Amino acid sequence: MKRIKRRYLALQLDSECVPSQKEFMDAVWGAVTKLYGEYGASLTSFALIHYDAQEKLAVLRTNLAAMDNVRTALASITSVTGKEAAVHVLAVSGTIKALHAQLKA
């Protein structure tokens, strides 16, 4: 059986409002399903690892094969909870430890 390679994305939310974790994930899921449909969204197998509402930072896990699709969907987000917003990818890494090291550097 082949091992699934995963990637971790550090995200910065640029918005005037402070959305909750659920509101943020609804926006991400909405963007992915809008671009790729339900089947395409299921192939991404992404999960929210960490979300800091005050700093507007998030860590998202996805598989390597779907990483480009996830990044495209994140770039297409224009609003969260009806307010204008944008999601920026700060760093991408194969492990959470290396991701945190990249963010501190």
Protein backbone atom coordinates (compact mmCIF):
# COMPACT_ATOMS: atom_id res chain seq x y z
CA MET A 1 0.00 0.00 0.00
CA LYS A 2 1.33 3.39 -0.97
CA ARG A 3 1.80 6.05 1.70
CA ILE A 4 -0.15 9.28 1.28
CA LYS A 5 2.12 12.31 1.21
CA ARG A 6 0.70 15.31 3.03
CA ARG A 7 1.49 18.99 3.01
CA TYR A 8 0.75 21.62 5.62
CA LEU A 9 -0.16 25.15 4.57
CA ALA A 10 0.15 28.17 6.86
CA LEU A 11 -2.59 30.64 5.98
CA GLN A 12 -3.16 34.31 6.81
CA LEU A 13 -6.71 35.63 6.64
CA ASP A 14 -6.94 39.25 5.50
CA SER A 15 -10.30 40.52 6.69
CA GLU A 16 -11.83 43.25 8.82
CA CYS A 17 -14.03 40.79 10.70
CA VAL A 18 -12.85 38.00 12.99
CA PRO A 19 -14.58 34.84 11.77
CA SER A 20 -14.96 31.77 13.92
CA GLN A 21 -13.31 28.49 13.03
CA LYS A 22 -16.55 27.15 11.56
CA GLU A 23 -17.13 30.27 9.46
CA PHE A 24 -13.57 30.08 8.10
CA MET A 25 -13.90 26.39 7.19
CA ASP A 26 -17.29 27.01 5.57
CA ALA A 27 -15.64 29.60 3.32
CA VAL A 28 -12.80 27.20 2.42
CA TRP A 29 -15.17 24.29 1.73
CA GLY A 30 -17.41 26.59 -0.29
CA ALA A 31 -14.51 27.73 -2.46
CA VAL A 32 -13.28 24.17 -3.08
CA THR A 33 -16.72 22.79 -3.93
CA LYS A 34 -17.50 25.79 -6.13
CA LEU A 35 -14.37 25.19 -8.23
CA TYR A 36 -14.10 21.39 -8.21
CA GLY A 37 -17.46 20.06 -7.06
CA GLU A 38 -18.12 17.60 -4.27
CA TYR A 39 -16.01 14.86 -5.83
CA GLY A 40 -13.02 17.17 -6.30
CA ALA A 41 -13.39 18.43 -2.73
CA SER A 42 -13.35 14.87 -1.42
CA LEU A 43 -10.05 14.21 -3.22
CA THR A 44 -8.33 17.06 -1.37
CA SER A 45 -8.84 15.35 2.01
CA PHE A 46 -7.93 18.58 3.77
CA ALA A 47 -8.33 19.22 7.47
CA LEU A 48 -7.93 22.23 9.70
CA ILE A 49 -5.05 21.56 12.11
CA HIS A 50 -4.89 24.90 13.92
CA TYR A 51 -6.88 28.13 13.86
CA ASP A 52 -6.11 31.32 15.77
CA ALA A 53 -9.00 33.75 15.36
CA GLN A 54 -7.25 36.73 16.98
CA GLU A 55 -4.09 36.45 14.84
CA LYS A 56 -6.15 35.27 11.83
CA LEU A 57 -3.72 32.42 11.21
CA ALA A 58 -4.59 28.86 10.23
CA VAL A 59 -2.77 25.63 9.44
CA LEU A 60 -4.44 23.40 6.88
CA ARG A 61 -3.41 19.83 5.95
CA THR A 62 -3.97 18.43 2.47
CA ASN A 63 -2.53 15.66 0.36
CA LEU A 64 0.29 16.46 -2.06
CA ALA A 65 -1.65 15.50 -5.18
CA ALA A 66 -4.39 18.05 -4.45
CA MET A 67 -2.24 20.85 -3.07
CA ASP A 68 -2.41 22.98 -6.22
CA ASN A 69 -6.20 22.64 -6.30
CA VAL A 70 -6.45 23.72 -2.66
CA ARG A 71 -4.16 26.71 -3.23
CA THR A 72 -6.26 27.76 -6.23
CA ALA A 73 -9.46 27.48 -4.20
CA LEU A 74 -7.94 29.50 -1.35
CA ALA A 75 -6.98 32.25 -3.79
CA SER A 76 -10.58 32.41 -5.02
CA ILE A 77 -12.01 33.26 -1.59
CA THR A 78 -13.35 36.81 -1.70
CA SER A 79 -15.63 36.87 1.34
CA VAL A 80 -16.07 35.22 4.71
CA THR A 81 -19.45 35.62 6.45
CA GLY A 82 -20.49 38.24 3.91
CA LYS A 83 -17.51 40.51 4.60
CA GLU A 84 -14.66 41.05 2.13
CA ALA A 85 -11.71 38.76 2.80
CA ALA A 86 -8.68 37.15 1.21
CA VAL A 87 -6.61 34.14 2.22
CA HIS A 88 -2.83 34.22 1.69
CA VAL A 89 -0.54 31.18 1.83
CA LEU A 90 2.44 32.08 4.04
CA ALA A 91 4.35 28.80 3.87
CA VAL A 92 4.06 25.18 2.77
CA SER A 93 5.86 22.26 4.39
CA GLY A 94 5.82 18.49 4.72
CA THR A 95 5.77 18.58 8.53
CA ILE A 96 4.19 20.85 11.11
CA LYS A 97 7.54 21.29 12.87
CA ALA A 98 9.23 22.57 9.69
CA LEU A 99 6.23 24.79 8.98
CA HIS A 100 6.57 26.52 12.35
CA ALA A 101 10.33 26.88 11.74
CA GLN A 102 9.63 28.59 8.40
CA LEU A 103 7.17 31.00 10.00
CA LYS A 104 9.63 32.00 12.75
CA ALA A 105 12.50 32.58 10.31
